[in-house]
């Protein structure tokens, strides 16, 4: 039955083509008869018979197949082409960690550097002063620690105890206030001053007092002024003695006593005093380390071996942290990054070989292989693509970041 169906199908296609041929033959005979009537001596050639194809044209893929079936110096076939750009496998834009003004560059574009080489520097005037200040603070803290740890001599102990006794006595004296006999003496002075004032006033009045136009020139006037001043001073002294101690006097005496007690306590260091002194040393050391780190951060060094491919701001410009100053790349290990559409992705795999054609090198070809296939697809212009990274197999190939390359993926043999 199946063979019969196929035979019928073949006869049907043959009949269709015969029909088309018959129509064409009739048309040719008609044209020939017309030509014979008009130009009997030069008959036209017969027209070709055109038939329509029965199969549909193939759908083109986003990545066109290579026009060449084999890559240069390779017997394998190319499966697809793409265009990408060279990047270094180890490339970094190196920046300062602190703001400052650039004072110098120690390299220029194209220089090869080693890890740790100095690339550029910032102004370090203020940073150097901060380091010196931190060093002085550390030395002072160490001296205080040694003083706390060292035992006191007999002379130091005696002097501290004497100062403490004096401070204690003074505090007790101030706190007690004036003695009774001191108040009595002050009161007696007031009374004597009052008696002298009364006597001077009487002599002044006897001489005519204020009604005498010459009273100001008399000795009694001068005596009255002196007696008045002595009386006021005696009254003030009595009030001062009576109102003591004031709050300020008592606070001053207490402060002196506390200082004397602290001096005696420091003669025998306690665990707390030693801990405080040691903490002071640790704090000063941390401040010095921070100042030295800031000074070191003003020097930009190479983190790896490579070539300087780009310099940033000019000497004298102020830069902020994170701004790339020197771009360093390892030109011995170059890569190419391309985007491959998802239809072509299925024909690629890790390690697959490819040929790179570099226009900047006069169309020179370089061998490469796929080293990384991205895991995050993006869509742009209706085409979904995946990033592919290829390692250049030829070291020091003479290319540098940013150059374009045509990638011809090779079919796995």
Protein backbone atom coordinates (compact mmCIF):
# COMPACT_ATOMS: atom_id res chain seq x y z
CA UNK A 1 0.00 0.00 0.00
CA UNK A 2 2.81 2.44 0.92
CA UNK A 3 4.59 1.84 -2.40
CA UNK A 4 1.32 2.41 -4.28
CA UNK A 5 0.81 5.76 -2.50
CA UNK A 6 4.34 6.87 -3.35
CA UNK A 7 3.83 5.87 -7.01
CA UNK A 8 0.68 7.93 -7.19
CA UNK A 9 2.49 10.90 -5.70
CA UNK A 10 5.30 10.66 -8.23
CA UNK A 11 2.84 10.36 -11.18
CA UNK A 12 0.91 13.40 -9.86
CA UNK A 13 4.13 15.53 -9.69
CA UNK A 14 5.12 14.27 -13.18
CA UNK A 15 1.69 15.13 -14.57
CA UNK A 16 1.89 18.63 -13.10
CA UNK A 17 5.28 19.19 -14.66
CA UNK A 18 4.04 17.75 -18.02
CA UNK A 19 1.09 20.13 -17.91
CA UNK A 20 3.35 23.04 -17.32
CA UNK A 21 5.61 21.81 -20.10
CA UNK A 22 2.69 21.45 -22.50
CA UNK A 23 1.53 24.99 -21.82
CA UNK A 24 5.02 26.21 -22.43
CA UNK A 25 5.31 24.26 -25.67
CA UNK A 26 2.06 25.76 -27.02
CA UNK A 27 3.32 29.19 -26.21
CA UNK A 28 6.60 28.57 -28.02
CA UNK A 29 4.80 27.29 -31.14
CA UNK A 30 2.56 30.38 -31.18
CA UNK A 31 5.54 32.73 -30.92
CA UNK A 32 7.36 30.85 -33.66
CA UNK A 33 4.38 31.14 -36.00
CA UNK A 34 4.20 34.88 -35.35
CA UNK A 35 7.91 35.22 -35.93
CA UNK A 36 7.72 33.35 -39.17
CA UNK A 37 5.09 35.74 -40.45
CA UNK A 38 7.08 38.88 -39.45
CA UNK A 39 10.72 37.75 -39.84
CA UNK A 40 10.83 34.45 -41.63
CA UNK A 41 14.59 34.63 -42.09
CA UNK A 42 15.66 34.98 -38.31
CA UNK A 43 13.52 32.81 -36.03
CA UNK A 44 13.93 33.56 -32.26
CA UNK A 45 15.37 30.93 -29.92
CA UNK A 46 12.93 28.96 -27.83
CA UNK A 47 12.05 30.45 -24.36
CA UNK A 48 13.20 28.42 -21.32
CA UNK A 49 10.64 26.67 -19.20
CA UNK A 50 10.66 27.97 -15.56
CA UNK A 51 9.29 25.83 -12.74
CA UNK A 52 8.63 26.92 -9.12
CA UNK A 53 10.64 25.22 -6.31
CA UNK A 54 8.65 23.00 -4.07
CA UNK A 55 10.76 23.55 -0.81
CA UNK A 56 10.77 26.74 1.39
CA UNK A 57 13.96 28.84 1.80
CA UNK A 58 15.88 28.27 5.09
CA UNK A 59 15.42 30.80 7.93
CA UNK A 60 18.63 32.85 8.58
CA UNK A 61 20.16 32.73 12.11
CA UNK A 62 21.21 35.90 14.02
CA UNK A 63 24.89 34.81 13.78
CA UNK A 64 25.66 34.19 10.11
CA UNK A 65 27.61 31.12 9.10
CA UNK A 66 31.19 31.78 8.06
CA UNK A 67 31.78 32.16 4.33
CA UNK A 68 34.88 30.02 4.70
CA UNK A 69 34.48 26.40 5.63
CA UNK A 70 37.91 26.12 7.25
CA UNK A 71 40.00 28.49 9.36
CA UNK A 72 43.57 29.28 8.34
CA UNK A 73 45.98 26.54 9.38
CA UNK A 74 43.12 24.46 10.78
CA UNK A 75 41.30 21.52 9.27
CA UNK A 76 38.14 21.98 11.37
CA UNK A 77 35.10 23.86 10.07
CA UNK A 78 33.85 27.22 11.38
CA UNK A 79 30.40 27.17 12.96
CA UNK A 80 29.78 30.90 13.53
CA UNK A 81 31.34 34.36 13.65
CA UNK A 82 30.98 37.20 16.15
CA UNK A 83 32.64 40.52 16.90
CA UNK A 84 34.07 41.39 20.31
CA UNK A 85 36.75 43.40 22.10
CA UNK A 86 40.00 42.53 23.78
CA UNK A 87 40.31 42.82 27.55
CA UNK A 88 43.10 41.85 29.89
CA UNK A 89 42.57 38.82 32.08
CA UNK A 90 44.02 40.89 34.93
CA UNK A 91 43.21 44.60 34.64
CA UNK A 92 42.49 47.21 37.33
CA UNK A 93 41.91 50.93 37.65
CA UNK A 94 44.04 51.76 40.71
CA UNK A 95 42.88 54.61 42.98
CA UNK A 96 43.96 56.29 46.21
CA UNK A 97 42.09 55.42 49.41
CA UNK A 98 42.20 59.04 50.63
CA UNK A 99 41.73 62.49 49.10
CA UNK A 100 44.67 64.68 48.23
CA UNK A 101 46.64 66.57 45.61
CA UNK A 102 48.81 64.60 43.16
CA UNK A 103 52.45 65.64 43.42
CA UNK A 104 54.06 63.26 40.92
CA UNK A 105 53.73 60.25 38.63
CA UNK A 106 56.53 57.72 38.74
CA UNK A 107 55.41 55.96 35.53
CA UNK A 108 54.15 56.82 32.06
CA UNK A 109 51.82 55.01 29.69
CA UNK A 110 53.44 51.90 28.24
CA UNK A 111 55.77 51.28 31.19
CA UNK A 112 56.05 47.72 32.48
CA UNK A 113 55.90 47.57 36.28
CA UNK A 114 56.33 44.94 38.96
CA UNK A 115 54.14 44.31 41.98
CA UNK A 116 54.92 46.90 44.67
CA UNK A 117 56.44 49.50 42.31
CA UNK A 118 55.54 53.13 43.12
CA UNK A 119 53.08 54.57 40.57
CA UNK A 120 52.03 57.99 41.93
CA UNK A 121 52.11 60.09 45.12
CA UNK A 122 49.95 62.64 46.96
CA UNK A 123 51.08 65.64 49.01
CA UNK A 124 52.19 64.25 52.42
CA UNK A 125 53.11 67.43 54.33
CA UNK A 126 50.18 67.27 56.77
CA UNK A 127 50.41 63.49 57.06
CA UNK A 128 54.07 63.63 58.08
CA UNK A 129 53.25 66.15 60.82
CA UNK A 130 50.49 63.88 62.08
CA UNK A 131 52.94 60.98 62.29
CA UNK A 132 55.40 63.10 64.28
CA UNK A 133 52.65 64.19 66.66
CA UNK A 134 51.51 60.60 67.18
CA UNK A 135 55.07 59.47 67.89
CA UNK A 136 55.46 62.16 70.58
CA UNK A 137 52.16 61.15 72.19
CA UNK A 138 53.29 57.51 72.26
CA UNK A 139 56.59 58.41 73.92
CA UNK A 140 54.73 60.39 76.60
CA UNK A 141 52.34 57.51 77.28
CA UNK A 142 55.25 55.08 77.62
CA UNK A 143 56.98 57.40 80.09
CA UNK A 144 53.85 57.58 82.20
CA UNK A 145 53.59 53.81 82.22
CA UNK A 146 57.20 53.45 83.33
CA UNK A 147 56.63 56.04 86.05
CA UNK A 148 53.59 54.14 87.29
CA UNK A 149 55.45 50.84 87.28
CA UNK A 150 58.63 52.13 88.98
CA UNK A 151 58.74 51.99 92.85
CA UNK A 152 58.99 55.33 94.70
CA UNK A 153 62.06 56.31 96.70
CA UNK A 154 62.03 57.11 100.43
CA UNK A 155 62.39 60.80 99.72
CA UNK A 156 59.41 60.76 97.34
CA UNK A 157 57.31 58.91 99.94
CA UNK A 158 58.25 61.38 102.70
CA UNK A 159 57.52 64.42 100.55
CA UNK A 160 54.16 63.05 99.42
CA UNK A 161 53.12 62.21 102.99
CA UNK A 162 54.15 65.69 104.19
CA UNK A 163 52.14 67.32 101.43
CA UNK A 164 49.16 65.17 102.33
CA UNK A 165 49.38 66.15 106.01
CA UNK A 166 49.54 69.83 105.14
CA UNK A 167 46.54 69.52 102.81
CA UNK A 168 44.55 67.71 105.46
CA UNK A 169 45.35 70.35 108.09
CA UNK A 170 44.44 73.16 105.74
CA UNK A 171 41.15 71.53 104.83
CA UNK A 172 40.26 71.05 108.49
CA UNK A 173 41.20 74.66 109.27
CA UNK A 174 39.09 76.04 106.44
CA UNK A 175 36.16 73.82 107.24
CA UNK A 176 36.20 74.80 110.95
CA UNK A 177 35.94 78.50 110.22
CA UNK A 178 37.25 81.33 112.52
CA UNK A 179 38.14 80.51 116.15
CA UNK A 180 36.26 82.23 118.99
CA UNK A 181 39.24 84.34 119.99
CA UNK A 182 39.66 85.43 116.37
CA UNK A 183 36.08 86.63 116.29
CA UNK A 184 36.57 88.37 119.65
CA UNK A 185 39.67 90.09 118.39
CA UNK A 186 37.88 91.22 115.24
CA UNK A 187 34.96 92.54 117.27
CA UNK A 188 37.33 94.40 119.62
CA UNK A 189 38.98 96.03 116.64
CA UNK A 190 35.57 97.24 115.49
CA UNK A 191 34.83 98.72 118.89
CA UNK A 192 38.20 100.53 119.10
CA UNK A 193 37.71 101.89 115.61
CA UNK A 194 34.24 103.09 116.59
CA UNK A 195 35.58 104.90 119.68
CA UNK A 196 38.26 106.61 117.63
CA UNK A 197 35.67 107.62 115.06
CA UNK A 198 33.43 109.15 117.75
CA UNK A 199 36.34 111.11 119.21
CA UNK A 200 37.35 112.44 115.78
CA UNK A 201 33.78 113.39 115.04
CA UNK A 202 33.56 115.33 118.32
CA UNK A 203 36.74 117.30 117.61
CA UNK A 204 35.52 118.05 114.09
CA UNK A 205 32.17 119.31 115.42
CA UNK A 206 33.88 121.45 118.07
CA UNK A 207 35.87 123.20 115.36
CA UNK A 208 32.65 124.20 113.63
CA UNK A 209 32.09 121.19 111.49
CA UNK A 210 30.61 121.71 108.10
CA UNK A 211 29.60 125.32 108.96
CA UNK A 212 33.27 126.33 109.24
CA UNK A 213 34.42 127.50 105.78
CA UNK A 214 37.93 126.43 106.67
CA UNK A 215 36.98 123.07 108.13
CA UNK A 216 38.59 121.16 105.23
CA UNK A 217 41.94 122.68 106.13
CA UNK A 218 41.78 121.82 109.80
CA UNK A 219 43.59 118.76 111.31
CA UNK A 220 40.27 117.62 112.79
CA UNK A 221 38.87 117.06 109.28
CA UNK A 222 41.78 114.84 108.32
CA UNK A 223 41.54 112.94 111.60
CA UNK A 224 37.84 112.29 111.00
CA UNK A 225 38.53 110.86 107.52
CA UNK A 226 41.20 108.49 108.86
CA UNK A 227 39.00 107.34 111.74
CA UNK A 228 36.13 106.64 109.32
CA UNK A 229 38.36 104.53 107.05
CA UNK A 230 39.74 102.55 110.02
CA UNK A 231 36.24 101.81 111.26
CA UNK A 232 35.04 100.58 107.84
CA UNK A 233 38.06 98.28 107.56
CA UNK A 234 37.48 96.83 111.03
CA UNK A 235 33.81 96.15 110.26
CA UNK A 236 34.76 94.40 106.95
CA UNK A 237 37.35 92.24 108.68
CA UNK A 238 34.85 91.22 111.31
CA UNK A 239 32.21 90.29 108.75
CA UNK A 240 34.78 88.36 106.70
CA UNK A 241 35.87 86.34 109.68
CA UNK A 242 32.30 85.72 110.76
CA UNK A 243 31.10 84.48 107.27
CA UNK A 244 33.91 81.99 106.66
CA UNK A 245 34.33 79.40 105.17
CA UNK A 246 32.77 80.25 101.84
CA UNK A 247 31.82 77.54 99.34
CA UNK A 248 34.74 78.48 97.07
CA UNK A 249 37.26 78.29 99.95
CA UNK A 250 35.97 74.91 101.05
CA UNK A 251 36.08 73.56 97.44
CA UNK A 252 39.64 74.80 96.98
CA UNK A 253 40.84 73.13 100.16
CA UNK A 254 39.11 69.88 99.19
CA UNK A 255 40.78 69.93 95.74
CA UNK A 256 44.23 70.35 97.30
CA UNK A 257 43.54 67.47 99.64
CA UNK A 258 42.42 65.19 96.76
CA UNK A 259 45.56 65.96 94.77
CA UNK A 260 47.77 65.14 97.74
CA UNK A 261 45.94 61.87 98.31
CA UNK A 262 46.31 60.91 94.62
CA UNK A 263 50.04 61.63 94.75
CA UNK A 264 50.43 59.30 97.74
CA UNK A 265 48.31 56.61 96.05
CA UNK A 266 50.49 56.71 92.94
CA UNK A 267 53.55 55.86 95.01
CA UNK A 268 52.19 52.31 95.24
CA UNK A 269 50.72 51.43 91.80
CA UNK A 270 47.50 49.47 91.85
CA UNK A 271 46.24 47.12 89.18
CA UNK A 272 43.77 49.78 88.09
CA UNK A 273 46.49 52.44 87.74
CA UNK A 274 48.66 50.07 85.73
CA UNK A 275 45.74 49.19 83.47
CA UNK A 276 45.00 52.87 82.87
CA UNK A 277 48.62 53.62 82.03
CA UNK A 278 48.83 50.64 79.67
CA UNK A 279 45.59 51.69 77.97
CA UNK A 280 47.15 55.08 77.35
CA UNK A 281 50.10 53.44 75.63
CA UNK A 282 47.83 51.23 73.50
CA UNK A 283 45.73 54.20 72.44
CA UNK A 284 48.80 56.22 71.47
CA UNK A 285 50.19 53.26 69.49
CA UNK A 286 46.91 52.87 67.58
CA UNK A 287 46.93 56.58 66.73
CA UNK A 288 50.50 56.27 65.43
CA UNK A 289 49.62 53.21 63.33
CA UNK A 290 46.69 55.08 61.83
CA UNK A 291 48.84 58.09 60.99
CA UNK A 292 51.48 55.88 59.37
CA UNK A 293 48.80 54.02 57.38
CA UNK A 294 47.44 57.32 56.08
CA UNK A 295 50.96 58.32 55.05
CA UNK A 296 51.42 55.00 53.28
CA UNK A 297 48.06 55.35 51.51
CA UNK A 298 49.36 58.56 49.93
CA UNK A 299 51.66 56.32 47.86
CA UNK A 300 50.01 54.38 45.01
CA UNK A 301 51.74 51.07 44.27
CA UNK A 302 51.18 48.34 41.67
CA UNK A 303 49.12 45.41 43.01
CA UNK A 304 50.43 43.03 40.32
CA UNK A 305 52.86 42.82 37.41
CA UNK A 306 51.58 44.53 34.31
CA UNK A 307 51.73 47.44 31.88
CA UNK A 308 50.48 50.99 32.43
CA UNK A 309 47.80 51.48 29.77
CA UNK A 310 46.20 54.74 31.00
CA UNK A 311 46.99 57.64 33.34
CA UNK A 312 44.20 59.68 34.95
CA UNK A 313 44.29 63.21 36.48
CA UNK A 314 47.20 65.58 35.96
CA UNK A 315 49.90 66.44 38.49
CA UNK A 316 48.62 69.17 40.81
CA UNK A 317 44.95 68.15 40.57
CA UNK A 318 42.95 67.30 43.69
CA UNK A 319 41.46 63.80 43.59
CA UNK A 320 38.89 62.01 45.74
CA UNK A 321 39.05 58.41 46.99
CA UNK A 322 38.06 55.79 44.42
CA UNK A 323 38.92 57.87 41.33
CA UNK A 324 41.11 55.74 39.01
CA UNK A 325 44.60 57.23 38.78
CA UNK A 326 46.50 54.51 36.90
CA UNK A 327 44.98 51.71 34.81
CA UNK A 328 47.20 48.64 34.91
CA UNK A 329 46.77 45.57 32.69
CA UNK A 330 48.61 42.28 32.18
CA UNK A 331 49.06 42.29 28.39
CA UNK A 332 50.58 38.83 28.45
CA UNK A 333 47.18 37.32 29.28
CA UNK A 334 44.56 38.73 26.95
CA UNK A 335 40.93 37.75 26.43
CA UNK A 336 38.09 38.58 24.05
CA UNK A 337 34.53 39.12 25.19
CA UNK A 338 31.64 38.62 22.77
CA UNK A 339 27.87 38.26 22.99
CA UNK A 340 26.45 35.12 21.33
CA UNK A 341 22.77 34.69 20.53
CA UNK A 342 20.92 31.83 22.18
CA UNK A 343 20.49 29.93 18.89
CA UNK A 344 24.25 29.71 18.38
CA UNK A 345 24.93 29.02 22.04
CA UNK A 346 23.93 25.39 21.68
CA UNK A 347 26.82 24.73 19.29
CA UNK A 348 29.45 26.08 21.70
CA UNK A 349 31.08 24.59 24.76
CA UNK A 350 33.95 25.29 27.18
CA UNK A 351 37.37 24.69 25.68
CA UNK A 352 36.12 25.00 22.11
CA UNK A 353 38.72 26.48 19.77
CA UNK A 354 38.34 29.72 17.84
CA UNK A 355 40.34 31.95 15.49
CA UNK A 356 40.62 35.70 16.18
CA UNK A 357 41.11 38.14 13.30
CA UNK A 358 42.53 41.51 14.44
CA UNK A 359 42.14 44.47 12.06
CA UNK A 360 44.60 46.55 14.11
CA UNK A 361 47.29 43.97 13.33
CA UNK A 362 46.61 43.90 9.60
CA UNK A 363 44.13 41.03 9.84
CA UNK A 364 46.53 38.83 11.79
CA UNK A 365 44.89 35.71 13.22
CA UNK A 366 45.36 34.47 16.76
CA UNK A 367 44.34 31.12 18.25
CA UNK A 368 41.94 31.14 21.20
CA UNK A 369 39.54 28.94 23.13
CA UNK A 370 36.35 29.47 25.13
CA UNK A 371 37.22 29.85 28.81
CA UNK A 372 33.92 31.09 30.23
CA UNK A 373 30.27 30.98 29.21
CA UNK A 374 28.01 33.45 30.96
CA UNK A 375 25.04 32.33 33.02
CA UNK A 376 22.97 35.51 32.68
CA UNK A 377 21.29 36.22 29.34
CA UNK A 378 20.19 39.68 28.22
CA UNK A 379 17.76 40.78 25.51
CA UNK A 380 18.32 43.81 23.29
CA UNK A 381 16.54 44.64 20.08
CA UNK A 382 14.60 41.38 20.28
CA UNK A 383 17.79 39.27 20.33
CA UNK A 384 18.68 37.30 23.43
CA UNK A 385 22.43 36.85 23.93
CA UNK A 386 24.88 35.39 26.42
CA UNK A 387 28.40 36.73 27.14
CA UNK A 388 31.26 34.46 26.07
CA UNK A 389 34.91 34.90 27.15
CA UNK A 390 37.78 33.50 25.10
CA UNK A 391 41.41 33.22 26.22
CA UNK A 392 44.05 34.14 23.66
CA UNK A 393 46.34 31.11 23.43
CA UNK A 394 49.32 33.10 22.16
CA UNK A 395 51.03 35.02 25.01
CA UNK A 396 52.29 38.57 24.39
CA UNK A 397 50.35 38.69 21.15
CA UNK A 398 50.73 42.46 20.71
CA UNK A 399 47.09 43.37 21.36
CA UNK A 400 45.80 45.59 24.14
CA UNK A 401 42.44 46.33 25.80
CA UNK A 402 39.74 47.91 23.69
CA UNK A 403 40.81 46.61 20.26
CA UNK A 404 38.16 44.81 18.25
CA UNK A 405 38.40 41.25 16.98
CA UNK A 406 36.35 39.02 14.73
CA UNK A 407 35.86 35.66 16.41
CA UNK A 408 35.42 32.58 14.24
CA UNK A 409 34.29 29.64 16.34
CA UNK A 410 35.63 26.31 15.12
CA UNK A 411 33.60 23.17 14.90
CA UNK A 412 34.79 20.43 17.20
CA UNK A 413 36.36 17.65 15.06
